N, C-alpha and C. Protein backbone atom coordinates (compact mmCIF):
# COMPACT_ATOMS: atom_id res chain seq x y z
N MET A 1 32.22 -17.85 65.39
CA MET A 1 31.84 -18.34 64.09
C MET A 1 31.48 -17.19 63.16
N LYS A 2 30.79 -16.18 63.67
CA LYS A 2 30.42 -15.03 62.86
C LYS A 2 31.65 -14.31 62.35
N LYS A 3 32.72 -14.24 63.19
CA LYS A 3 33.94 -13.56 62.76
C LYS A 3 34.60 -14.31 61.61
N ILE A 4 34.58 -15.61 61.67
CA ILE A 4 35.21 -16.41 60.61
C ILE A 4 34.44 -16.24 59.30
N VAL A 5 33.13 -16.28 59.34
CA VAL A 5 32.29 -16.12 58.14
C VAL A 5 32.48 -14.73 57.56
N SER A 6 32.51 -13.71 58.40
CA SER A 6 32.68 -12.35 57.90
C SER A 6 34.08 -12.15 57.33
N MET A 7 35.11 -12.78 57.90
CA MET A 7 36.47 -12.69 57.37
C MET A 7 36.55 -13.39 56.00
N LEU A 8 35.93 -14.57 55.88
CA LEU A 8 35.92 -15.27 54.59
C LEU A 8 35.16 -14.48 53.53
N THR A 9 34.07 -13.86 53.91
CA THR A 9 33.29 -13.04 52.98
C THR A 9 34.10 -11.84 52.53
N ALA A 10 34.81 -11.17 53.45
CA ALA A 10 35.65 -10.03 53.11
C ALA A 10 36.78 -10.45 52.18
N LEU A 11 37.40 -11.60 52.46
CA LEU A 11 38.47 -12.11 51.61
C LEU A 11 37.96 -12.44 50.21
N LEU A 12 36.80 -13.07 50.14
CA LEU A 12 36.19 -13.39 48.85
C LEU A 12 35.84 -12.12 48.07
N LEU A 13 35.38 -11.11 48.77
CA LEU A 13 35.04 -9.83 48.15
C LEU A 13 36.29 -9.16 47.58
N CYS A 14 37.40 -9.19 48.30
CA CYS A 14 38.65 -8.59 47.83
C CYS A 14 39.17 -9.32 46.59
N VAL A 15 39.11 -10.64 46.61
CA VAL A 15 39.58 -11.42 45.47
C VAL A 15 38.69 -11.14 44.25
N SER A 16 37.39 -11.06 44.45
CA SER A 16 36.47 -10.78 43.34
C SER A 16 36.73 -9.40 42.75
N PHE A 17 36.97 -8.41 43.61
CA PHE A 17 37.24 -7.06 43.15
C PHE A 17 38.53 -7.02 42.32
N ALA A 18 39.56 -7.67 42.78
CA ALA A 18 40.84 -7.70 42.07
C ALA A 18 40.70 -8.42 40.73
N LEU A 19 39.95 -9.49 40.71
CA LEU A 19 39.75 -10.25 39.47
C LEU A 19 38.98 -9.42 38.44
N CYS A 20 37.96 -8.70 38.87
CA CYS A 20 37.18 -7.85 37.96
C CYS A 20 38.02 -6.71 37.42
N ALA A 21 38.86 -6.11 38.25
CA ALA A 21 39.70 -5.00 37.81
C ALA A 21 40.69 -5.46 36.74
N SER A 22 41.26 -6.63 36.90
CA SER A 22 42.22 -7.12 35.90
C SER A 22 41.50 -7.54 34.62
N ALA A 23 40.31 -8.07 34.71
CA ALA A 23 39.56 -8.47 33.51
C ALA A 23 39.13 -7.25 32.71
N GLU A 24 38.77 -6.14 33.36
CA GLU A 24 38.34 -4.92 32.68
C GLU A 24 39.48 -4.32 31.88
N ALA A 25 40.70 -4.36 32.39
CA ALA A 25 41.85 -3.82 31.67
C ALA A 25 42.18 -4.67 30.45
N SER A 26 42.05 -5.97 30.56
CA SER A 26 42.38 -6.83 29.42
C SER A 26 41.30 -6.79 28.35
N LYS A 27 40.09 -6.38 28.72
CA LYS A 27 38.99 -6.29 27.75
C LYS A 27 39.33 -5.31 26.63
N TYR A 28 39.99 -4.21 26.95
CA TYR A 28 40.34 -3.20 25.97
C TYR A 28 41.78 -3.34 25.48
N GLY A 29 42.38 -4.50 25.71
CA GLY A 29 43.73 -4.74 25.23
C GLY A 29 44.77 -3.90 25.95
N GLY A 30 44.56 -3.64 27.22
CA GLY A 30 45.53 -2.89 28.00
C GLY A 30 45.36 -1.39 27.88
N VAL A 31 44.29 -0.90 27.25
CA VAL A 31 44.06 0.52 27.10
C VAL A 31 43.46 1.06 28.39
N ALA A 32 43.93 2.20 28.82
CA ALA A 32 43.41 2.81 30.05
C ALA A 32 41.97 3.24 29.83
N ALA A 33 41.25 3.36 30.92
CA ALA A 33 39.82 3.65 30.85
C ALA A 33 39.53 5.02 30.27
N ASP A 34 40.45 5.99 30.42
CA ASP A 34 40.18 7.34 29.93
C ASP A 34 40.64 7.57 28.49
N GLU A 35 41.19 6.56 27.82
CA GLU A 35 41.60 6.69 26.42
C GLU A 35 40.43 6.37 25.49
N THR A 36 40.43 6.99 24.31
CA THR A 36 39.38 6.76 23.32
C THR A 36 39.70 5.51 22.51
N VAL A 37 38.72 4.64 22.37
CA VAL A 37 38.88 3.42 21.60
C VAL A 37 37.96 3.52 20.39
N TYR A 38 38.49 3.25 19.19
CA TYR A 38 37.70 3.31 17.97
C TYR A 38 37.42 1.90 17.47
N ALA A 39 36.17 1.66 17.11
CA ALA A 39 35.78 0.36 16.55
C ALA A 39 35.45 0.56 15.08
N GLU A 40 35.78 -0.40 14.26
CA GLU A 40 35.50 -0.32 12.84
C GLU A 40 34.14 -0.94 12.57
N GLY A 41 33.24 -0.17 11.91
CA GLY A 41 31.89 -0.67 11.63
C GLY A 41 31.64 -0.81 10.15
N LYS A 42 30.42 -1.18 9.79
CA LYS A 42 30.03 -1.35 8.40
C LYS A 42 29.51 -0.04 7.85
N ASP A 43 29.59 0.12 6.52
CA ASP A 43 29.10 1.33 5.86
C ASP A 43 27.58 1.33 5.82
N ILE A 44 27.00 2.53 5.91
CA ILE A 44 25.58 2.72 5.65
C ILE A 44 25.46 3.80 4.59
N ILE A 45 24.36 3.81 3.90
CA ILE A 45 24.13 4.81 2.86
C ILE A 45 23.20 5.86 3.44
N ILE A 46 23.66 7.09 3.46
CA ILE A 46 22.83 8.18 3.97
C ILE A 46 22.36 8.99 2.78
N GLY A 47 21.06 9.07 2.62
CA GLY A 47 20.50 9.78 1.49
C GLY A 47 20.43 11.27 1.70
N GLU A 48 19.99 11.70 2.87
CA GLU A 48 19.75 13.11 3.08
C GLU A 48 19.68 13.38 4.58
N ILE A 49 20.20 14.51 4.99
CA ILE A 49 20.06 14.94 6.38
C ILE A 49 19.22 16.20 6.36
N MET A 50 18.10 16.17 7.10
CA MET A 50 17.18 17.30 7.12
C MET A 50 17.21 17.96 8.49
N ASP A 51 17.26 19.29 8.51
CA ASP A 51 17.13 20.02 9.77
C ASP A 51 15.65 20.15 10.08
N LEU A 52 15.26 19.74 11.28
CA LEU A 52 13.86 19.86 11.68
C LEU A 52 13.68 21.21 12.37
N CYS A 53 13.92 21.29 13.65
CA CYS A 53 13.91 22.55 14.38
C CYS A 53 14.52 22.32 15.76
N ASP A 54 14.95 23.37 16.41
CA ASP A 54 15.55 23.31 17.75
C ASP A 54 16.71 22.33 17.82
N GLY A 55 17.50 22.24 16.75
CA GLY A 55 18.66 21.36 16.76
C GLY A 55 18.37 19.92 16.40
N TYR A 56 17.12 19.54 16.17
CA TYR A 56 16.78 18.17 15.79
C TYR A 56 17.04 17.98 14.30
N THR A 57 17.53 16.81 13.92
CA THR A 57 17.74 16.48 12.52
C THR A 57 17.15 15.12 12.22
N CYS A 58 16.90 14.88 10.97
CA CYS A 58 16.39 13.59 10.51
C CYS A 58 17.33 13.08 9.44
N THR A 59 17.83 11.88 9.60
CA THR A 59 18.72 11.27 8.62
C THR A 59 17.95 10.20 7.87
N VAL A 60 17.93 10.31 6.56
CA VAL A 60 17.25 9.33 5.73
C VAL A 60 18.27 8.25 5.38
N VAL A 61 18.06 7.05 5.92
CA VAL A 61 18.94 5.93 5.64
C VAL A 61 18.30 5.11 4.54
N GLU A 62 19.08 4.72 3.55
CA GLU A 62 18.53 4.02 2.40
C GLU A 62 18.88 2.55 2.42
N GLY A 63 17.99 1.76 1.84
CA GLY A 63 18.21 0.33 1.69
C GLY A 63 17.94 -0.07 0.25
N LEU A 64 18.03 -1.34 -0.05
CA LEU A 64 17.79 -1.81 -1.41
C LEU A 64 16.41 -2.41 -1.52
N GLY A 65 15.72 -2.12 -2.62
CA GLY A 65 14.39 -2.65 -2.86
C GLY A 65 14.45 -4.02 -3.50
N GLU A 66 13.31 -4.49 -3.95
CA GLU A 66 13.21 -5.82 -4.55
C GLU A 66 14.09 -5.97 -5.78
N ASN A 67 14.20 -4.92 -6.58
CA ASN A 67 15.00 -4.98 -7.81
C ASN A 67 16.38 -4.38 -7.62
N GLU A 68 16.87 -4.36 -6.39
CA GLU A 68 18.19 -3.85 -6.04
C GLU A 68 18.32 -2.34 -6.23
N GLU A 69 17.22 -1.61 -6.41
CA GLU A 69 17.33 -0.17 -6.51
C GLU A 69 17.25 0.41 -5.10
N THR A 70 17.86 1.56 -4.92
CA THR A 70 17.89 2.19 -3.61
C THR A 70 16.54 2.84 -3.35
N GLU A 71 16.01 2.63 -2.16
CA GLU A 71 14.76 3.26 -1.78
C GLU A 71 14.83 3.63 -0.31
N PRO A 72 14.24 4.77 0.07
CA PRO A 72 14.30 5.17 1.47
C PRO A 72 13.49 4.23 2.35
N LEU A 73 13.99 3.98 3.54
CA LEU A 73 13.27 3.17 4.51
C LEU A 73 12.38 4.11 5.33
N SER A 74 11.11 3.96 5.22
CA SER A 74 10.19 4.83 5.93
C SER A 74 8.95 4.03 6.29
N ILE A 75 8.44 4.31 7.46
CA ILE A 75 7.27 3.58 7.93
C ILE A 75 5.99 4.22 7.40
N THR A 76 5.99 5.55 7.26
CA THR A 76 4.74 6.23 6.94
C THR A 76 4.44 6.32 5.45
N ASP A 77 5.44 6.22 4.58
CA ASP A 77 5.20 6.35 3.15
C ASP A 77 4.67 5.04 2.57
N LYS A 78 3.60 5.15 1.78
CA LYS A 78 2.99 3.99 1.14
C LYS A 78 2.82 4.30 -0.34
N THR A 79 2.72 3.27 -1.16
CA THR A 79 2.52 3.48 -2.59
C THR A 79 1.18 2.89 -3.02
N LYS A 80 0.66 3.43 -4.11
CA LYS A 80 -0.64 2.98 -4.62
C LYS A 80 -0.62 3.09 -6.13
N THR A 81 -1.23 2.13 -6.79
CA THR A 81 -1.37 2.13 -8.24
C THR A 81 -2.83 1.87 -8.59
N LYS A 82 -3.35 2.64 -9.52
CA LYS A 82 -4.73 2.43 -9.95
C LYS A 82 -4.79 2.57 -11.47
N THR A 83 -5.55 1.67 -12.11
CA THR A 83 -5.69 1.66 -13.56
C THR A 83 -7.10 2.09 -13.94
N PHE A 84 -7.19 3.02 -14.89
CA PHE A 84 -8.47 3.49 -15.42
C PHE A 84 -8.55 3.09 -16.89
N ILE A 85 -9.67 2.51 -17.30
CA ILE A 85 -9.89 2.17 -18.71
C ILE A 85 -11.05 3.01 -19.21
N ASN A 86 -10.77 3.83 -20.23
CA ASN A 86 -11.75 4.77 -20.76
C ASN A 86 -12.02 4.47 -22.23
N HIS A 87 -13.29 4.36 -22.58
CA HIS A 87 -13.68 4.20 -23.98
C HIS A 87 -14.08 5.58 -24.49
N ILE A 88 -13.33 6.10 -25.45
CA ILE A 88 -13.57 7.43 -25.97
C ILE A 88 -14.36 7.30 -27.28
N THR A 89 -15.49 8.00 -27.32
CA THR A 89 -16.38 7.92 -28.50
C THR A 89 -16.55 9.30 -29.12
N ASP A 90 -16.95 9.31 -30.39
CA ASP A 90 -17.24 10.58 -31.05
C ASP A 90 -18.69 10.98 -30.79
N LYS A 91 -19.15 12.02 -31.48
CA LYS A 91 -20.52 12.53 -31.26
C LYS A 91 -21.59 11.51 -31.65
N ASP A 92 -21.25 10.61 -32.57
CA ASP A 92 -22.21 9.61 -33.02
C ASP A 92 -22.17 8.34 -32.19
N GLY A 93 -21.33 8.30 -31.18
CA GLY A 93 -21.23 7.11 -30.33
C GLY A 93 -20.26 6.07 -30.84
N LYS A 94 -19.53 6.37 -31.91
CA LYS A 94 -18.54 5.45 -32.46
C LYS A 94 -17.26 5.53 -31.63
N ILE A 95 -16.72 4.36 -31.27
CA ILE A 95 -15.52 4.34 -30.42
C ILE A 95 -14.31 4.80 -31.22
N ILE A 96 -13.66 5.84 -30.73
CA ILE A 96 -12.42 6.34 -31.34
C ILE A 96 -11.25 5.48 -30.87
N CYS A 97 -11.17 5.30 -29.56
CA CYS A 97 -10.11 4.46 -29.00
C CYS A 97 -10.43 4.12 -27.55
N THR A 98 -9.71 3.15 -27.05
CA THR A 98 -9.77 2.81 -25.63
C THR A 98 -8.46 3.29 -25.02
N LEU A 99 -8.59 4.06 -23.97
CA LEU A 99 -7.42 4.65 -23.31
C LEU A 99 -7.25 4.00 -21.94
N GLN A 100 -6.11 3.35 -21.76
CA GLN A 100 -5.79 2.74 -20.46
C GLN A 100 -4.76 3.63 -19.77
N VAL A 101 -5.10 4.12 -18.58
CA VAL A 101 -4.24 5.04 -17.83
C VAL A 101 -3.86 4.38 -16.51
N VAL A 102 -2.56 4.35 -16.22
CA VAL A 102 -2.06 3.80 -14.96
C VAL A 102 -1.45 4.95 -14.16
N VAL A 103 -2.04 5.20 -12.99
CA VAL A 103 -1.57 6.27 -12.11
C VAL A 103 -0.89 5.62 -10.91
N LYS A 104 0.35 6.03 -10.66
CA LYS A 104 1.09 5.55 -9.49
C LYS A 104 1.39 6.74 -8.60
N GLY A 105 1.30 6.50 -7.29
CA GLY A 105 1.55 7.59 -6.38
C GLY A 105 2.06 7.13 -5.03
N MET A 106 2.49 8.09 -4.24
CA MET A 106 2.97 7.88 -2.90
C MET A 106 2.10 8.73 -1.97
N TYR A 107 1.76 8.16 -0.82
CA TYR A 107 0.93 8.91 0.12
C TYR A 107 1.32 8.55 1.55
N SER A 108 0.97 9.44 2.46
CA SER A 108 1.25 9.22 3.87
C SER A 108 0.10 9.77 4.70
N PRO A 109 -0.72 8.90 5.27
CA PRO A 109 -1.79 9.39 6.13
C PRO A 109 -1.25 10.09 7.37
N THR A 110 -0.10 9.66 7.84
CA THR A 110 0.50 10.24 9.05
C THR A 110 0.96 11.67 8.78
N ASP A 111 1.69 11.87 7.68
CA ASP A 111 2.22 13.19 7.35
C ASP A 111 1.22 14.04 6.57
N ARG A 112 0.11 13.43 6.13
CA ARG A 112 -0.94 14.10 5.38
C ARG A 112 -0.39 14.72 4.09
N ILE A 113 0.40 13.91 3.35
CA ILE A 113 0.93 14.33 2.07
C ILE A 113 0.67 13.25 1.03
N SER A 114 0.67 13.64 -0.23
CA SER A 114 0.50 12.68 -1.33
C SER A 114 1.13 13.27 -2.58
N GLU A 115 1.54 12.38 -3.49
CA GLU A 115 2.18 12.83 -4.72
C GLU A 115 2.01 11.76 -5.80
N ILE A 116 1.67 12.19 -7.00
CA ILE A 116 1.62 11.28 -8.14
C ILE A 116 3.06 11.14 -8.65
N THR A 117 3.53 9.90 -8.68
CA THR A 117 4.92 9.65 -9.09
C THR A 117 5.05 9.29 -10.56
N SER A 118 4.01 8.72 -11.16
CA SER A 118 4.07 8.45 -12.60
C SER A 118 2.66 8.35 -13.17
N LEU A 119 2.56 8.67 -14.45
CA LEU A 119 1.30 8.62 -15.18
C LEU A 119 1.62 8.02 -16.55
N ASN A 120 1.15 6.81 -16.77
CA ASN A 120 1.40 6.11 -18.04
C ASN A 120 0.08 5.81 -18.71
N TYR A 121 0.07 5.89 -20.03
CA TYR A 121 -1.17 5.63 -20.77
C TYR A 121 -0.86 4.91 -22.07
N VAL A 122 -1.84 4.10 -22.51
CA VAL A 122 -1.74 3.34 -23.75
C VAL A 122 -3.07 3.49 -24.48
N ARG A 123 -2.99 3.74 -25.82
CA ARG A 123 -4.18 3.85 -26.66
C ARG A 123 -4.35 2.57 -27.45
N HIS A 124 -5.60 2.09 -27.55
CA HIS A 124 -5.92 0.90 -28.34
C HIS A 124 -7.08 1.25 -29.27
N GLY A 125 -7.10 0.65 -30.42
CA GLY A 125 -8.21 0.85 -31.35
C GLY A 125 -7.73 1.27 -32.72
N SER A 126 -8.63 1.13 -33.70
CA SER A 126 -8.25 1.40 -35.09
C SER A 126 -7.98 2.89 -35.34
N ASN A 127 -8.65 3.78 -34.63
CA ASN A 127 -8.45 5.22 -34.82
C ASN A 127 -7.52 5.83 -33.78
N SER A 128 -6.86 4.99 -33.00
CA SER A 128 -6.03 5.53 -31.91
C SER A 128 -4.82 6.30 -32.43
N SER A 129 -4.40 6.03 -33.67
CA SER A 129 -3.25 6.77 -34.22
C SER A 129 -3.59 8.24 -34.48
N HIS A 130 -4.88 8.56 -34.60
CA HIS A 130 -5.30 9.94 -34.81
C HIS A 130 -5.46 10.69 -33.49
N MET A 131 -5.31 9.98 -32.39
CA MET A 131 -5.48 10.58 -31.06
C MET A 131 -4.09 10.97 -30.54
N SER A 132 -3.95 12.21 -30.09
CA SER A 132 -2.72 12.63 -29.44
C SER A 132 -3.05 13.07 -28.01
N ILE A 133 -2.08 12.91 -27.13
CA ILE A 133 -2.32 13.17 -25.71
C ILE A 133 -1.13 13.95 -25.16
N SER A 134 -1.43 14.95 -24.34
CA SER A 134 -0.38 15.63 -23.59
C SER A 134 -0.68 15.44 -22.11
N ASP A 135 0.37 15.33 -21.31
CA ASP A 135 0.16 15.12 -19.88
C ASP A 135 0.95 16.13 -19.07
N ASP A 136 0.46 16.39 -17.88
CA ASP A 136 1.12 17.30 -16.95
C ASP A 136 0.92 16.75 -15.54
N VAL A 137 2.02 16.43 -14.86
CA VAL A 137 1.97 15.92 -13.49
C VAL A 137 2.57 16.97 -12.58
N SER A 138 1.84 17.33 -11.52
CA SER A 138 2.31 18.34 -10.59
C SER A 138 1.81 18.00 -9.19
N GLY A 139 2.72 17.54 -8.33
CA GLY A 139 2.36 17.23 -6.95
C GLY A 139 1.38 16.07 -6.88
N ASN A 140 0.22 16.33 -6.28
CA ASN A 140 -0.77 15.26 -6.11
C ASN A 140 -1.83 15.27 -7.21
N THR A 141 -1.62 16.05 -8.28
CA THR A 141 -2.57 16.10 -9.38
C THR A 141 -1.87 15.84 -10.71
N ALA A 142 -2.66 15.42 -11.68
CA ALA A 142 -2.17 15.22 -13.04
C ALA A 142 -3.32 15.48 -14.01
N VAL A 143 -2.97 15.88 -15.23
CA VAL A 143 -3.97 16.17 -16.26
C VAL A 143 -3.53 15.49 -17.56
N LEU A 144 -4.47 14.81 -18.22
CA LEU A 144 -4.27 14.30 -19.58
C LEU A 144 -5.18 15.10 -20.50
N ARG A 145 -4.60 15.76 -21.50
CA ARG A 145 -5.38 16.51 -22.49
C ARG A 145 -5.45 15.68 -23.77
N LEU A 146 -6.66 15.53 -24.29
CA LEU A 146 -6.91 14.67 -25.44
C LEU A 146 -7.15 15.50 -26.70
N TYR A 147 -6.50 15.10 -27.79
CA TYR A 147 -6.65 15.76 -29.08
C TYR A 147 -6.96 14.70 -30.14
N TYR A 148 -7.96 14.99 -30.98
CA TYR A 148 -8.34 14.07 -32.05
C TYR A 148 -8.19 14.84 -33.37
N PHE A 149 -7.31 14.36 -34.23
CA PHE A 149 -6.93 15.06 -35.45
C PHE A 149 -6.46 16.48 -35.14
N GLY A 150 -5.76 16.65 -34.02
CA GLY A 150 -5.21 17.95 -33.63
C GLY A 150 -6.18 18.86 -32.91
N LYS A 151 -7.45 18.47 -32.82
CA LYS A 151 -8.45 19.31 -32.16
C LYS A 151 -8.65 18.84 -30.72
N TYR A 152 -8.65 19.81 -29.80
CA TYR A 152 -8.84 19.49 -28.39
C TYR A 152 -10.26 18.97 -28.17
N ILE A 153 -10.37 17.78 -27.53
CA ILE A 153 -11.70 17.20 -27.30
C ILE A 153 -12.02 17.00 -25.82
N GLY A 154 -11.06 17.22 -24.94
CA GLY A 154 -11.36 17.08 -23.52
C GLY A 154 -10.12 16.72 -22.70
N LYS A 155 -10.36 16.53 -21.42
CA LYS A 155 -9.25 16.21 -20.52
C LYS A 155 -9.72 15.31 -19.39
N PHE A 156 -8.77 14.60 -18.80
CA PHE A 156 -8.99 13.81 -17.60
C PHE A 156 -8.11 14.38 -16.50
N ASN A 157 -8.70 14.60 -15.34
CA ASN A 157 -7.94 15.06 -14.17
C ASN A 157 -7.76 13.89 -13.21
N TYR A 158 -6.59 13.80 -12.63
CA TYR A 158 -6.29 12.74 -11.66
C TYR A 158 -5.77 13.38 -10.39
N ARG A 159 -6.14 12.77 -9.27
CA ARG A 159 -5.69 13.27 -7.97
C ARG A 159 -5.49 12.09 -7.03
N ILE A 160 -4.39 12.15 -6.25
CA ILE A 160 -4.19 11.18 -5.17
C ILE A 160 -4.31 11.95 -3.86
N TYR A 161 -5.07 11.37 -2.95
CA TYR A 161 -5.28 11.97 -1.64
C TYR A 161 -4.35 11.33 -0.62
N TYR A 162 -4.18 11.98 0.53
CA TYR A 162 -3.25 11.46 1.54
C TYR A 162 -3.73 10.17 2.20
N ASN A 163 -4.97 9.74 1.92
CA ASN A 163 -5.43 8.44 2.43
C ASN A 163 -5.22 7.33 1.39
N GLY A 164 -4.67 7.68 0.21
CA GLY A 164 -4.36 6.68 -0.81
C GLY A 164 -5.37 6.59 -1.93
N ASN A 165 -6.50 7.26 -1.82
CA ASN A 165 -7.50 7.21 -2.90
C ASN A 165 -6.97 7.95 -4.14
N ILE A 166 -7.11 7.30 -5.28
CA ILE A 166 -6.76 7.93 -6.56
C ILE A 166 -8.05 8.05 -7.35
N GLU A 167 -8.36 9.28 -7.80
CA GLU A 167 -9.61 9.52 -8.51
C GLU A 167 -9.35 10.13 -9.87
N GLN A 168 -10.26 9.85 -10.79
CA GLN A 168 -10.26 10.45 -12.12
C GLN A 168 -11.53 11.27 -12.25
N SER A 169 -11.40 12.48 -12.78
CA SER A 169 -12.60 13.31 -13.01
C SER A 169 -12.53 13.96 -14.37
């Protein structure tokens, strides 16, 4: 009885092996196993390839944002917006204008980097037309210089830190 069971098992094994070999060849449309097969894939958008070190590279793959604009896909980069409202007065305490400043920035606690991406401001008030402003954005800092009737009256400094805090001084 053992001989019959072992013979049937061997026969079943041979049939299974032959069936698998024929199925593998038809899977690739009759292409031999050592030939190269090319598959057609979908396009991706590559923004930038960066060399890291020791042969490692980083590829920035881009996707579409909420408004269909291209934006890099990254886990560590975060954005932050903070609005400052300043009432500017003269020496007598009379309000010259109200200055609303919106600071937008990008920061990464993981990479320990930060950058101010935009600095927008709006003047309100009856004397606001006499107020002129110059701005300078550089890295994680920005400066607004205030002029009243062409005379320099002061400045506001802005900074974004890598933890996302945006401060005005």
